[in-house]
Structures are given as structure tokens and as C-alpha cells.
Amino acid sequence: MAATHTKEPQRGLTFEDVWAALMENREQMKETDRRIAQQREETDKRMAQQREETDRLLKDTIKQMKETDRKFGELHNRFGELAEHLVGPSIMEKFNERGFNFTERSRDKEIWDTDKRNILTEVDILLENGDIVIAVEVKSKPKEADVEKHIRRMEILRQAANRRGDKRLFRGAIAGAIMNSGMRNSIIQNGFYLIEQSGDTVKLNIPEGFTPREW
């Protein structure tokens, strides 16, 4: 007679089983939290280092820009001084060759108010004779703003002359080492004499039919 096997009933989960599973899951969660915290800490540290590096690079860039601006300003001033040195010695001669007969030439002329308290304007080069005064503005590379500023300067010169009883005619000129055709046309159209660098000297560019503006 064959033997028969009786199937044992399945044992349900005990409290100990559930507690053990909870403890294991708790440990896993702790490990997960630990790894997340570690990753966050490492990420924060990298970001802090990147911020520090970015700040350092930004400070270095700002410092370099300031230094570049300073050097550019010095270079621009040197160009201006060089242009004045080129224009100054020969400009009176160039005008006199055109029949102006200037007898006085002054550089960096300051125009004061009647009380001698405030400087109204400054002129790079001032050419004078008994009838005409020409105020020369010298720029390494003239711009439209320089033309507009020189117009205002001429108005100030005229007003100051009127207060002194000076009846001479005032005209303007702009000298530049570097300028394009548009800038040349603007200078001439505004009634200013055009003075350009030519080698180690300058040339007076007065086109045919040019009528200088007078103040």
C-alpha cells in the first residue's frame, strides 16, 4: 500500500518577520539617505568651488578690463598729444600760405568768464591776427560728437569775445590723424576747416567753393 503525504499548512507572517522586514527597509532607507546626503554635499562643494572660480575669473576679467581702459586712455591721450605736436608747429604756416597772415599762435588756450572764476572752454590751438581768430580742435580720430562740441565751443568763444568788445571774426577748424570720407564731409559741411595728417606734417584741406562758418 502506497504511502500518502499530507501537505503542511502554510505558515503566515509572524510579528518577528514583519519587524525584521521593517528594520531591513529602515536600514536601506538610511543608507539611501546617507548616499543622497553625501552626493548633495559633494555637489554643493563642487558648486561652491565653481562659484569661487567664477568669482575669481570675473574679478580678474574686471581688473584686466580696467587696466585695458587705463592703457587705452593713456594711448588715446598720447595720440592726442602727438597730433597736437604735429599740428602745432606748422598749422599757422599752412594758413598763412593761404593768405591769412596770422601773427599769434597759442596752445591749450583757456577761456575764462569775466570774473576769472570758471573756465568756459578750452581750445587746443588758437590762431589770431587783427581780423580773424581760428580755433583748432585736435583729435587723433574725430567723431561726430567732436564736431558738435566744437560748434558749442565756437559759440562760447563768440560770446566771450563780445563781452570783451572783440569784434574779430571767429572760425573753426578740426584736425585729425585718422578719419574716413564721411567724417571729412561732416567737418566741411559744418563750416570747419579740415586739417589732416600728411606724413610728419599736416595739410590744410579746403575744397573748391568751401565757405567757412563764422561766429
N, C-alpha and C. Protein backbone atom coordinates (compact mmCIF):
# COMPACT_ATOMS: atom_id res chain seq x y z
N MET A 1 0.86 -1.18 0.00
CA MET A 1 0.00 0.00 0.00
C MET A 1 0.89 1.23 0.00
N ALA A 2 0.61 2.12 -0.97
CA ALA A 2 1.49 3.29 -1.11
C ALA A 2 1.28 4.26 0.03
N ALA A 3 2.43 4.92 0.38
CA ALA A 3 2.36 5.91 1.48
C ALA A 3 1.75 7.20 0.98
N THR A 4 1.02 7.86 1.80
CA THR A 4 0.40 9.16 1.43
C THR A 4 1.09 10.28 2.17
N HIS A 5 1.28 11.48 1.47
CA HIS A 5 1.93 12.65 2.09
C HIS A 5 0.90 13.70 2.38
N THR A 6 0.93 14.16 3.57
CA THR A 6 -0.01 15.22 3.97
C THR A 6 0.68 16.58 3.85
N LYS A 7 0.13 17.53 3.08
CA LYS A 7 0.71 18.86 2.87
C LYS A 7 0.54 19.68 4.14
N GLU A 8 1.73 20.22 4.61
CA GLU A 8 1.68 21.04 5.81
C GLU A 8 1.03 22.38 5.50
N PRO A 9 0.24 22.84 6.38
CA PRO A 9 -0.39 24.17 6.16
C PRO A 9 0.65 25.27 6.09
N GLN A 10 0.45 26.29 5.17
CA GLN A 10 1.41 27.41 5.01
C GLN A 10 1.37 28.30 6.23
N ARG A 11 2.60 28.59 6.74
CA ARG A 11 2.70 29.41 7.94
C ARG A 11 2.56 30.88 7.59
N GLY A 12 1.74 31.61 8.23
CA GLY A 12 1.57 33.04 7.99
C GLY A 12 2.73 33.84 8.55
N LEU A 13 2.79 35.14 8.13
CA LEU A 13 3.83 36.01 8.63
C LEU A 13 3.65 36.26 10.11
N THR A 14 4.76 36.19 10.76
CA THR A 14 4.73 36.47 12.19
C THR A 14 5.14 37.91 12.44
N PHE A 15 4.95 38.34 13.65
CA PHE A 15 5.35 39.69 14.04
C PHE A 15 6.85 39.89 13.85
N GLU A 16 7.58 38.81 14.17
CA GLU A 16 9.04 38.90 14.02
C GLU A 16 9.43 39.09 12.57
N ASP A 17 8.71 38.42 11.62
CA ASP A 17 9.01 38.56 10.20
C ASP A 17 8.79 40.00 9.73
N VAL A 18 7.65 40.54 10.13
CA VAL A 18 7.31 41.91 9.73
C VAL A 18 8.32 42.90 10.30
N TRP A 19 8.65 42.71 11.58
CA TRP A 19 9.60 43.61 12.23
C TRP A 19 10.96 43.55 11.56
N ALA A 20 11.40 42.34 11.21
CA ALA A 20 12.69 42.19 10.55
C ALA A 20 12.69 42.88 9.19
N ALA A 21 11.57 42.74 8.45
CA ALA A 21 11.47 43.40 7.14
C ALA A 21 11.49 44.91 7.29
N LEU A 22 10.77 45.42 8.30
CA LEU A 22 10.76 46.86 8.54
C LEU A 22 12.15 47.37 8.89
N MET A 23 12.87 46.62 9.73
CA MET A 23 14.21 47.03 10.13
C MET A 23 15.16 47.03 8.92
N GLU A 24 15.00 46.01 8.06
CA GLU A 24 15.86 45.96 6.86
C GLU A 24 15.56 47.13 5.93
N ASN A 25 14.25 47.38 5.77
CA ASN A 25 13.87 48.51 4.91
C ASN A 25 14.36 49.84 5.49
N ARG A 26 14.30 49.93 6.83
CA ARG A 26 14.77 51.15 7.50
C ARG A 26 16.25 51.36 7.26
N GLU A 27 17.01 50.29 7.35
CA GLU A 27 18.45 50.40 7.13
C GLU A 27 18.75 50.80 5.68
N GLN A 28 17.95 50.21 4.77
CA GLN A 28 18.14 50.58 3.36
C GLN A 28 17.83 52.06 3.13
N MET A 29 16.76 52.54 3.78
CA MET A 29 16.40 53.95 3.64
C MET A 29 17.49 54.85 4.24
N LYS A 30 18.02 54.42 5.38
CA LYS A 30 19.12 55.18 5.98
C LYS A 30 20.32 55.25 5.04
N GLU A 31 20.64 54.12 4.42
CA GLU A 31 21.77 54.07 3.50
C GLU A 31 21.50 54.96 2.29
N THR A 32 20.24 54.89 1.80
CA THR A 32 19.87 55.75 0.66
C THR A 32 19.98 57.21 1.04
N ASP A 33 19.46 57.58 2.23
CA ASP A 33 19.55 58.97 2.69
C ASP A 33 21.01 59.40 2.85
N ARG A 34 21.83 58.45 3.37
CA ARG A 34 23.24 58.78 3.57
C ARG A 34 23.92 59.07 2.22
N ARG A 35 23.61 58.22 1.22
CA ARG A 35 24.21 58.41 -0.10
C ARG A 35 23.71 59.70 -0.76
N ILE A 36 22.41 59.99 -0.60
CA ILE A 36 21.86 61.23 -1.16
C ILE A 36 22.52 62.44 -0.49
N ALA A 37 22.67 62.38 0.84
CA ALA A 37 23.30 63.48 1.57
C ALA A 37 24.76 63.65 1.13
N GLN A 38 25.44 62.53 0.95
CA GLN A 38 26.83 62.58 0.52
C GLN A 38 26.94 63.19 -0.88
N GLN A 39 26.04 62.74 -1.77
CA GLN A 39 26.05 63.29 -3.13
C GLN A 39 25.73 64.79 -3.13
N ARG A 40 24.75 65.17 -2.27
CA ARG A 40 24.39 66.58 -2.18
C ARG A 40 25.57 67.40 -1.64
N GLU A 41 26.23 66.86 -0.65
CA GLU A 41 27.38 67.55 -0.07
C GLU A 41 28.49 67.72 -1.11
N GLU A 42 28.73 66.63 -1.87
CA GLU A 42 29.76 66.70 -2.90
C GLU A 42 29.36 67.70 -4.00
N THR A 43 28.06 67.68 -4.36
CA THR A 43 27.57 68.62 -5.37
C THR A 43 27.70 70.06 -4.89
N ASP A 44 27.29 70.31 -3.63
CA ASP A 44 27.39 71.65 -3.06
C ASP A 44 28.85 72.12 -3.03
N LYS A 45 29.73 71.18 -2.69
CA LYS A 45 31.14 71.52 -2.62
C LYS A 45 31.68 71.89 -3.99
N ARG A 46 31.29 71.09 -5.03
CA ARG A 46 31.72 71.39 -6.40
C ARG A 46 31.16 72.74 -6.86
N MET A 47 29.89 72.98 -6.55
CA MET A 47 29.26 74.24 -6.95
C MET A 47 29.93 75.42 -6.25
N ALA A 48 30.28 75.24 -4.98
CA ALA A 48 30.96 76.30 -4.24
C ALA A 48 32.32 76.59 -4.87
N GLN A 49 33.03 75.52 -5.23
CA GLN A 49 34.33 75.68 -5.88
C GLN A 49 34.18 76.38 -7.24
N GLN A 50 33.12 75.98 -7.97
CA GLN A 50 32.86 76.61 -9.27
C GLN A 50 32.52 78.09 -9.11
N ARG A 51 31.71 78.40 -8.06
CA ARG A 51 31.37 79.80 -7.80
C ARG A 51 32.62 80.60 -7.46
N GLU A 52 33.47 80.02 -6.63
CA GLU A 52 34.72 80.70 -6.26
C GLU A 52 35.59 80.93 -7.50
N GLU A 53 35.66 79.92 -8.35
CA GLU A 53 36.47 80.05 -9.57
C GLU A 53 35.85 81.08 -10.51
N THR A 54 34.50 81.06 -10.61
CA THR A 54 33.82 82.04 -11.46
C THR A 54 34.04 83.45 -10.92
N ASP A 55 33.92 83.61 -9.61
CA ASP A 55 34.15 84.92 -8.99
C ASP A 55 35.58 85.39 -9.24
N ARG A 56 36.51 84.47 -9.10
CA ARG A 56 37.92 84.83 -9.32
C ARG A 56 38.15 85.26 -10.76
N LEU A 57 37.58 84.47 -11.71
CA LEU A 57 37.73 84.81 -13.12
C LEU A 57 37.07 86.14 -13.44
N LEU A 58 35.90 86.38 -12.82
CA LEU A 58 35.20 87.65 -13.05
C LEU A 58 36.01 88.82 -12.52
N LYS A 59 36.57 88.66 -11.33
CA LYS A 59 37.40 89.72 -10.77
C LYS A 59 38.64 89.97 -11.63
N ASP A 60 39.24 88.88 -12.10
CA ASP A 60 40.42 89.02 -12.97
C ASP A 60 40.04 89.72 -14.27
N THR A 61 38.85 89.36 -14.82
CA THR A 61 38.40 89.97 -16.07
C THR A 61 38.15 91.46 -15.89
N ILE A 62 37.46 91.82 -14.77
CA ILE A 62 37.20 93.24 -14.48
C ILE A 62 38.50 94.00 -14.31
N LYS A 63 39.44 93.39 -13.62
CA LYS A 63 40.74 94.02 -13.40
C LYS A 63 41.46 94.24 -14.74
N GLN A 64 41.41 93.22 -15.60
CA GLN A 64 42.05 93.34 -16.90
C GLN A 64 41.37 94.40 -17.76
N MET A 65 40.01 94.47 -17.68
CA MET A 65 39.28 95.48 -18.44
C MET A 65 39.64 96.89 -17.98
N LYS A 66 39.74 97.06 -16.66
CA LYS A 66 40.12 98.37 -16.13
C LYS A 66 41.53 98.74 -16.58
N GLU A 67 42.41 97.76 -16.56
CA GLU A 67 43.79 98.02 -16.98
C GLU A 67 43.83 98.35 -18.47
N THR A 68 43.01 97.62 -19.26
CA THR A 68 42.94 97.90 -20.69
C THR A 68 42.40 99.30 -20.94
N ASP A 69 41.34 99.67 -20.20
CA ASP A 69 40.77 101.01 -20.34
C ASP A 69 41.80 102.08 -19.98
N ARG A 70 42.56 101.81 -18.92
CA ARG A 70 43.58 102.77 -18.49
C ARG A 70 44.65 102.93 -19.56
N LYS A 71 45.12 101.80 -20.10
CA LYS A 71 46.15 101.86 -21.12
C LYS A 71 45.62 102.51 -22.40
N PHE A 72 44.34 102.18 -22.73
CA PHE A 72 43.75 102.78 -23.93
C PHE A 72 43.62 104.29 -23.75
N GLY A 73 43.22 104.70 -22.53
CA GLY A 73 43.10 106.13 -22.26
C GLY A 73 44.44 106.83 -22.38
N GLU A 74 45.49 106.19 -21.84
CA GLU A 74 46.82 106.77 -21.95
C GLU A 74 47.26 106.84 -23.41
N LEU A 75 46.96 105.76 -24.15
CA LEU A 75 47.34 105.72 -25.56
C LEU A 75 46.59 106.80 -26.33
N HIS A 76 45.28 106.94 -26.02
CA HIS A 76 44.49 107.97 -26.70
C HIS A 76 45.05 109.35 -26.40
N ASN A 77 45.42 109.59 -25.13
CA ASN A 77 45.99 110.88 -24.78
C ASN A 77 47.31 111.11 -25.51
N ARG A 78 48.10 110.05 -25.63
CA ARG A 78 49.38 110.20 -26.34
C ARG A 78 49.14 110.52 -27.81
N PHE A 79 48.12 109.86 -28.41
CA PHE A 79 47.78 110.18 -29.79
C PHE A 79 47.37 111.63 -29.92
N GLY A 80 46.56 112.09 -28.93
CA GLY A 80 46.13 113.48 -28.97
C GLY A 80 47.30 114.43 -28.83
N GLU A 81 48.19 114.12 -27.91
CA GLU A 81 49.38 114.96 -27.73
C GLU A 81 50.25 114.93 -28.98
N LEU A 82 50.41 113.73 -29.55
CA LEU A 82 51.21 113.60 -30.77
C LEU A 82 50.59 114.42 -31.90
N ALA A 83 49.26 114.33 -32.02
CA ALA A 83 48.59 115.09 -33.07
C ALA A 83 48.79 116.58 -32.87
N GLU A 84 48.70 117.04 -31.62
CA GLU A 84 48.92 118.47 -31.35
C GLU A 84 50.35 118.87 -31.71
N HIS A 85 51.30 118.01 -31.39
CA HIS A 85 52.69 118.33 -31.71
C HIS A 85 52.91 118.37 -33.22
N LEU A 86 52.18 117.52 -33.94
CA LEU A 86 52.30 117.53 -35.40
C LEU A 86 51.63 118.76 -35.99
N VAL A 87 50.46 119.10 -35.43
CA VAL A 87 49.69 120.21 -35.99
C VAL A 87 50.28 121.55 -35.59
N GLY A 88 50.62 121.68 -34.31
CA GLY A 88 51.01 122.98 -33.76
C GLY A 88 52.09 123.73 -34.52
N PRO A 89 53.25 123.13 -34.77
CA PRO A 89 54.35 123.89 -35.36
C PRO A 89 54.09 124.39 -36.77
N SER A 90 53.26 123.67 -37.53
CA SER A 90 53.14 124.02 -38.95
C SER A 90 51.79 124.59 -39.34
N ILE A 91 50.81 124.54 -38.44
CA ILE A 91 49.47 124.92 -38.86
C ILE A 91 49.37 126.41 -39.19
N MET A 92 50.05 127.25 -38.42
CA MET A 92 49.99 128.68 -38.72
C MET A 92 50.61 128.96 -40.09
N GLU A 93 51.68 128.26 -40.38
CA GLU A 93 52.34 128.42 -41.68
C GLU A 93 51.40 127.99 -42.82
N LYS A 94 50.67 126.87 -42.60
CA LYS A 94 49.76 126.39 -43.64
C LYS A 94 48.65 127.40 -43.92
N PHE A 95 48.12 128.01 -42.88
CA PHE A 95 47.08 129.02 -43.08
C PHE A 95 47.66 130.28 -43.71
N ASN A 96 48.84 130.67 -43.29
CA ASN A 96 49.45 131.89 -43.84
C ASN A 96 49.77 131.73 -45.32
N GLU A 97 50.03 130.49 -45.74
CA GLU A 97 50.25 130.24 -47.17
C GLU A 97 48.98 130.50 -47.96
N ARG A 98 47.83 130.47 -47.27
CA ARG A 98 46.54 130.77 -47.91
C ARG A 98 46.15 132.23 -47.74
N GLY A 99 47.07 133.05 -47.22
CA GLY A 99 46.83 134.49 -47.14
C GLY A 99 46.21 134.99 -45.85
N PHE A 100 46.26 134.23 -44.77
CA PHE A 100 45.64 134.67 -43.53
C PHE A 100 46.51 135.61 -42.71
N ASN A 101 47.82 135.49 -42.81
CA ASN A 101 48.75 136.37 -42.09
C ASN A 101 48.53 136.35 -40.57
N PHE A 102 48.46 135.16 -40.02
CA PHE A 102 48.35 135.05 -38.56
C PHE A 102 49.68 135.42 -37.91
N THR A 103 49.58 136.11 -36.80
CA THR A 103 50.79 136.55 -36.08
C THR A 103 50.91 135.91 -34.70
N GLU A 104 49.84 135.29 -34.23
CA GLU A 104 49.86 134.69 -32.89
C GLU A 104 49.34 133.25 -32.96
N ARG A 105 50.03 132.39 -32.24
CA ARG A 105 49.59 131.00 -32.11
C ARG A 105 49.76 130.58 -30.66
N SER A 106 48.68 130.08 -30.06
CA SER A 106 48.75 129.62 -28.67
C SER A 106 48.15 128.22 -28.57
N ARG A 107 48.68 127.43 -27.64
CA ARG A 107 48.20 126.07 -27.43
C ARG A 107 47.53 125.96 -26.08
N ASP A 108 46.52 125.05 -26.01
CA ASP A 108 45.80 124.79 -24.75
C ASP A 108 45.31 126.09 -24.13
N LYS A 109 44.64 126.87 -24.94
CA LYS A 109 44.14 128.18 -24.50
C LYS A 109 42.89 128.00 -23.65
N GLU A 110 42.89 128.60 -22.47
CA GLU A 110 41.74 128.54 -21.57
C GLU A 110 40.95 129.84 -21.68
N ILE A 111 39.64 129.71 -21.85
CA ILE A 111 38.77 130.88 -21.93
C ILE A 111 37.98 130.95 -20.63
N TRP A 112 38.21 132.04 -19.87
CA TRP A 112 37.59 132.20 -18.55
C TRP A 112 36.40 133.13 -18.64
N ASP A 113 35.54 133.07 -17.60
CA ASP A 113 34.45 134.03 -17.53
C ASP A 113 35.00 135.38 -17.08
N THR A 114 34.14 136.37 -17.04
CA THR A 114 34.60 137.73 -16.75
C THR A 114 35.15 137.87 -15.34
N ASP A 115 34.70 137.03 -14.42
CA ASP A 115 35.19 137.10 -13.03
C ASP A 115 36.45 136.27 -12.81
N LYS A 116 36.91 135.60 -13.88
CA LYS A 116 38.10 134.76 -13.78
C LYS A 116 37.93 133.65 -12.73
N ARG A 117 36.71 133.15 -12.60
CA ARG A 117 36.45 132.09 -11.62
C ARG A 117 36.26 130.73 -12.28
N ASN A 118 35.71 130.72 -13.46
CA ASN A 118 35.40 129.46 -14.13
C ASN A 118 35.95 129.45 -15.55
N ILE A 119 36.44 128.28 -15.96
CA ILE A 119 36.89 128.10 -17.34
C ILE A 119 35.66 127.77 -18.18
N LEU A 120 35.38 128.60 -19.17
CA LEU A 120 34.22 128.39 -20.03
C LEU A 120 34.47 127.31 -21.06
N THR A 121 35.67 127.31 -21.62
CA THR A 121 36.04 126.29 -22.60
C THR A 121 37.55 126.32 -22.79
N GLU A 122 38.06 125.32 -23.46
CA GLU A 122 39.48 125.23 -23.77
C GLU A 122 39.66 125.00 -25.27
N VAL A 123 40.72 125.56 -25.82
CA VAL A 123 41.00 125.44 -27.25
C VAL A 123 42.39 124.84 -27.41
N ASP A 124 42.47 123.79 -28.24
CA ASP A 124 43.77 123.14 -28.44
C ASP A 124 44.78 124.10 -29.06
N ILE A 125 44.39 124.73 -30.15
CA ILE A 125 45.27 125.69 -30.82
C ILE A 125 44.44 126.90 -31.24
N LEU A 126 44.94 128.08 -30.94
CA LEU A 126 44.24 129.31 -31.32
C LEU A 126 45.16 130.16 -32.20
N LEU A 127 44.68 130.45 -33.41
CA LEU A 127 45.44 131.28 -34.35
C LEU A 127 44.77 132.64 -34.43
N GLU A 128 45.57 133.71 -34.37
CA GLU A 128 44.99 135.05 -34.32
C GLU A 128 45.75 136.05 -35.20
N ASN A 129 44.98 136.96 -35.80
CA ASN A 129 45.54 138.18 -36.37
C ASN A 129 44.59 139.32 -36.02
N GLY A 130 44.71 140.44 -36.63
CA GLY A 130 43.88 141.59 -36.26
C GLY A 130 42.44 141.48 -36.70
N ASP A 131 42.13 140.53 -37.60
CA ASP A 131 40.78 140.44 -38.14
C ASP A 131 40.07 139.11 -37.85
N ILE A 132 40.86 138.04 -37.77
CA ILE A 132 40.27 136.70 -37.69
C ILE A 132 40.92 135.89 -36.57
N VAL A 133 40.11 135.07 -35.93
CA VAL A 133 40.59 134.10 -34.95
C VAL A 133 40.10 132.72 -35.40
N ILE A 134 41.00 131.75 -35.47
CA ILE A 134 40.62 130.38 -35.82
C ILE A 134 40.93 129.47 -34.64
N ALA A 135 39.90 128.78 -34.16
CA ALA A 135 40.07 127.83 -33.06
C ALA A 135 40.18 126.43 -33.65
N VAL A 136 41.28 125.77 -33.36
CA VAL A 136 41.56 124.45 -33.93
C VAL A 136 41.38 123.38 -32.86
N GLU A 137 40.50 122.42 -33.13
CA GLU A 137 40.31 121.27 -32.26
C GLU A 137 41.10 120.10 -32.84
N VAL A 138 41.96 119.49 -32.03
CA VAL A 138 42.84 118.42 -32.50
C VAL A 138 42.40 117.09 -31.89
N LYS A 139 42.13 116.11 -32.75
CA LYS A 139 41.75 114.78 -32.32
C LYS A 139 42.53 113.74 -33.11
N SER A 140 42.89 112.64 -32.45
CA SER A 140 43.55 111.57 -33.19
C SER A 140 42.58 110.96 -34.20
N LYS A 141 41.30 110.79 -33.78
CA LYS A 141 40.27 110.25 -34.66
C LYS A 141 38.96 110.99 -34.39
N PRO A 142 38.69 112.07 -35.11
CA PRO A 142 37.49 112.88 -34.85
C PRO A 142 36.21 112.08 -35.01
N LYS A 143 35.22 112.44 -34.18
CA LYS A 143 33.89 111.84 -34.25
C LYS A 143 32.84 112.94 -34.40
N GLU A 144 31.61 112.52 -34.70
CA GLU A 144 30.52 113.49 -34.85
C GLU A 144 30.34 114.31 -33.58
N ALA A 145 30.50 113.65 -32.43
CA ALA A 145 30.36 114.37 -31.16
C ALA A 145 31.39 115.48 -31.04
N ASP A 146 32.58 115.28 -31.61
CA ASP A 146 33.62 116.31 -31.56
C ASP A 146 33.22 117.53 -32.39
N VAL A 147 32.55 117.27 -33.51
CA VAL A 147 32.08 118.37 -34.36
C VAL A 147 31.02 119.18 -33.62
N GLU A 148 30.07 118.49 -33.00
CA GLU A 148 29.02 119.18 -32.26
C GLU A 148 29.59 119.97 -31.08
N LYS A 149 30.56 119.37 -30.41
CA LYS A 149 31.18 120.05 -29.28
C LYS A 149 31.95 121.29 -29.73
N HIS A 150 32.57 121.21 -30.90
CA HIS A 150 33.34 122.35 -31.39
C HIS A 150 32.41 123.50 -31.80
N ILE A 151 31.20 123.15 -32.28
CA ILE A 151 30.22 124.20 -32.59
C ILE A 151 29.85 124.95 -31.32
N ARG A 152 29.60 124.21 -30.24
CA ARG A 152 29.29 124.87 -28.96
C ARG A 152 30.47 125.68 -28.47
N ARG A 153 31.67 125.17 -28.68
CA ARG A 153 32.87 125.90 -28.27
C ARG A 153 32.97 127.23 -29.01
N MET A 154 32.68 127.21 -30.29
CA MET A 154 32.74 128.44 -31.09
C MET A 154 31.72 129.46 -30.59
N GLU A 155 30.54 129.01 -30.19
CA GLU A 155 29.52 129.91 -29.66
C GLU A 155 30.00 130.54 -28.36
N ILE A 156 30.66 129.74 -27.52
CA ILE A 156 31.20 130.27 -26.26
C ILE A 156 32.29 131.30 -26.54
N LEU A 157 33.15 131.01 -27.51
CA LEU A 157 34.21 131.95 -27.87
C LEU A 157 33.62 133.27 -28.35
N ARG A 158 32.57 133.18 -29.16
CA ARG A 158 31.94 134.40 -29.68
C ARG A 158 31.33 135.23 -28.54
N GLN A 159 30.65 134.57 -27.63
CA GLN A 159 30.04 135.27 -26.51
C GLN A 159 31.10 135.92 -25.62
N ALA A 160 32.18 135.19 -25.36
CA ALA A 160 33.25 135.74 -24.53
C ALA A 160 33.91 136.93 -25.22
N ALA A 161 34.08 136.84 -26.53
CA ALA A 161 34.67 137.94 -27.29
C ALA A 161 33.76 139.18 -27.25
N ASN A 162 32.45 138.96 -27.35
CA ASN A 162 31.51 140.08 -27.31
C ASN A 162 31.61 140.82 -25.98
N ARG A 163 31.76 140.07 -24.90
CA ARG A 163 31.86 140.72 -23.58
C ARG A 163 33.13 141.55 -23.47
N ARG A 164 34.17 141.15 -24.22
CA ARG A 164 35.42 141.92 -24.21
C ARG A 164 35.42 143.04 -25.24
N GLY A 165 34.40 143.08 -26.06
CA GLY A 165 34.36 144.07 -27.13
C GLY A 165 35.23 143.68 -28.31
N ASP A 166 35.53 142.39 -28.43
CA ASP A 166 36.37 141.89 -29.53
C ASP A 166 35.48 141.66 -30.75
N LYS A 167 35.68 142.43 -31.80
CA LYS A 167 34.82 142.38 -32.99
C LYS A 167 35.37 141.48 -34.09
N ARG A 168 36.46 140.79 -33.84
CA ARG A 168 37.04 139.95 -34.88
C ARG A 168 36.13 138.78 -35.23
N LEU A 169 36.30 138.25 -36.43
CA LEU A 169 35.54 137.08 -36.86
C LEU A 169 36.17 135.82 -36.28
N PHE A 170 35.31 134.89 -35.87
CA PHE A 170 35.79 133.63 -35.32
C PHE A 170 35.41 132.49 -36.26
N ARG A 171 36.39 131.66 -36.59
CA ARG A 171 36.18 130.49 -37.42
C ARG A 171 36.76 129.26 -36.72
N GLY A 172 36.33 128.09 -37.16
CA GLY A 172 36.80 126.87 -36.53
C GLY A 172 37.49 125.94 -37.51
N ALA A 173 38.31 125.06 -36.95
CA ALA A 173 39.00 124.04 -37.74
C ALA A 173 39.10 122.78 -36.89
N ILE A 174 39.07 121.64 -37.54
CA ILE A 174 39.25 120.36 -36.85
C ILE A 174 40.37 119.59 -37.53
N ALA A 175 41.32 119.17 -36.72
CA ALA A 175 42.47 118.42 -37.22
C ALA A 175 42.38 116.99 -36.75
N GLY A 176 42.70 116.04 -37.62
CA GLY A 176 42.65 114.63 -37.24
C GLY A 176 43.70 113.82 -37.96
N ALA A 177 44.16 112.78 -37.29
CA ALA A 177 45.15 111.89 -37.90
C ALA A 177 44.46 110.76 -38.67
N ILE A 178 43.30 110.31 -38.17
CA ILE A 178 42.57 109.20 -38.80
C ILE A 178 41.12 109.61 -38.97
N MET A 179 40.62 109.59 -40.19
CA MET A 179 39.21 109.88 -40.42
C MET A 179 38.78 109.34 -41.77
N ASN A 180 37.52 108.97 -41.88
CA ASN A 180 37.00 108.46 -43.14
C ASN A 180 36.36 109.60 -43.94
N SER A 181 35.88 109.27 -45.13
CA SER A 181 35.32 110.30 -46.01
C SER A 181 34.07 110.93 -45.40
N GLY A 182 33.27 110.11 -44.69
CA GLY A 182 32.07 110.65 -44.05
C GLY A 182 32.40 111.70 -43.01
N MET A 183 33.46 111.44 -42.24
CA MET A 183 33.87 112.40 -41.21
C MET A 183 34.42 113.66 -41.86
N ARG A 184 35.17 113.51 -42.92
CA ARG A 184 35.69 114.67 -43.64
C ARG A 184 34.54 115.55 -44.14
N ASN A 185 33.54 114.90 -44.74
CA ASN A 185 32.40 115.65 -45.27
C ASN A 185 31.65 116.37 -44.16
N SER A 186 31.50 115.72 -43.02
CA SER A 186 30.78 116.33 -41.91
C SER A 186 31.50 117.58 -41.41
N ILE A 187 32.80 117.49 -41.30
CA ILE A 187 33.59 118.64 -40.83
C ILE A 187 33.42 119.82 -41.79
N ILE A 188 33.54 119.53 -43.08
CA ILE A 188 33.44 120.59 -44.08
C ILE A 188 32.02 121.15 -44.16
N GLN A 189 31.02 120.27 -44.13
CA GLN A 189 29.64 120.71 -44.22
C GLN A 189 29.22 121.59 -43.04
N ASN A 190 29.88 121.40 -41.90
CA ASN A 190 29.58 122.22 -40.73
C ASN A 190 30.39 123.53 -40.74
N GLY A 191 31.10 123.76 -41.83
CA GLY A 191 31.79 125.03 -42.00
C GLY A 191 33.14 125.13 -41.32
N PHE A 192 33.73 123.97 -40.97
CA PHE A 192 35.05 123.98 -40.34
C PHE A 192 36.14 123.69 -41.37
N TYR A 193 37.28 124.32 -41.17
CA TYR A 193 38.44 123.95 -41.98
C TYR A 193 38.87 122.55 -41.59
N LEU A 194 39.31 121.78 -42.57
CA LEU A 194 39.74 120.41 -42.35
C LEU A 194 41.25 120.32 -42.43
N ILE A 195 41.84 119.81 -41.35
CA ILE A 195 43.29 119.66 -41.28
C ILE A 195 43.60 118.18 -41.11
N GLU A 196 44.41 117.64 -42.01
CA GLU A 196 44.73 116.22 -41.98
C GLU A 196 46.22 115.98 -41.85
N GLN A 197 46.54 114.88 -41.19
CA GLN A 197 47.93 114.50 -41.09
C GLN A 197 48.44 114.04 -42.45
N SER A 198 49.65 114.47 -42.77
CA SER A 198 50.27 114.08 -44.03
C SER A 198 51.74 113.81 -43.76
N GLY A 199 52.07 112.51 -43.55
CA GLY A 199 53.45 112.17 -43.21
C GLY A 199 53.79 112.72 -41.84
N ASP A 200 54.90 113.46 -41.77
CA ASP A 200 55.30 114.04 -40.49
C ASP A 200 54.85 115.49 -40.37
N THR A 201 53.91 115.91 -41.20
CA THR A 201 53.37 117.26 -41.12
C THR A 201 51.86 117.19 -41.34
N VAL A 202 51.24 118.32 -41.64
CA VAL A 202 49.80 118.34 -41.87
C VAL A 202 49.50 119.09 -43.16
N LYS A 203 48.28 118.86 -43.67
CA LYS A 203 47.84 119.59 -44.85
C LYS A 203 46.49 120.22 -44.56
N LEU A 204 46.26 121.37 -45.13
CA LEU A 204 45.01 122.08 -44.96
C LEU A 204 44.12 121.75 -46.15
N ASN A 205 43.01 121.05 -45.88
CA ASN A 205 42.13 120.58 -46.94
C ASN A 205 40.96 121.55 -47.09
N ILE A 206 41.04 122.46 -48.06
CA ILE A 206 39.97 123.42 -48.32
C ILE A 206 39.44 123.15 -49.73
N PRO A 207 38.30 122.47 -49.85
CA PRO A 207 37.77 122.14 -51.18
C PRO A 207 37.30 123.40 -51.93
N GLU A 208 37.25 123.29 -53.22
CA GLU A 208 36.80 124.42 -54.04
C GLU A 208 35.36 124.77 -53.70
N GLY A 209 35.09 126.05 -53.53
CA GLY A 209 33.74 126.51 -53.21
C GLY A 209 33.43 126.46 -51.72
N PHE A 210 34.38 126.08 -50.89
CA PHE A 210 34.14 125.98 -49.46
C PHE A 210 33.93 127.38 -48.86
N THR A 211 32.89 127.51 -48.03
CA THR A 211 32.62 128.75 -47.33
C THR A 211 32.69 128.49 -45.83
N PRO A 212 33.66 129.03 -45.14
CA PRO A 212 33.78 128.77 -43.71
C PRO A 212 32.65 129.42 -42.92
N ARG A 213 32.23 128.75 -41.89
CA ARG A 213 31.20 129.31 -40.98
C ARG A 213 31.87 130.31 -40.06
N GLU A 214 31.18 131.41 -39.81
CA GLU A 214 31.75 132.47 -38.99
C GLU A 214 30.88 132.73 -37.78
N TRP A 215 31.51 133.04 -36.68
CA TRP A 215 30.81 133.38 -35.45
C TRP A 215 31.18 134.80 -35.03
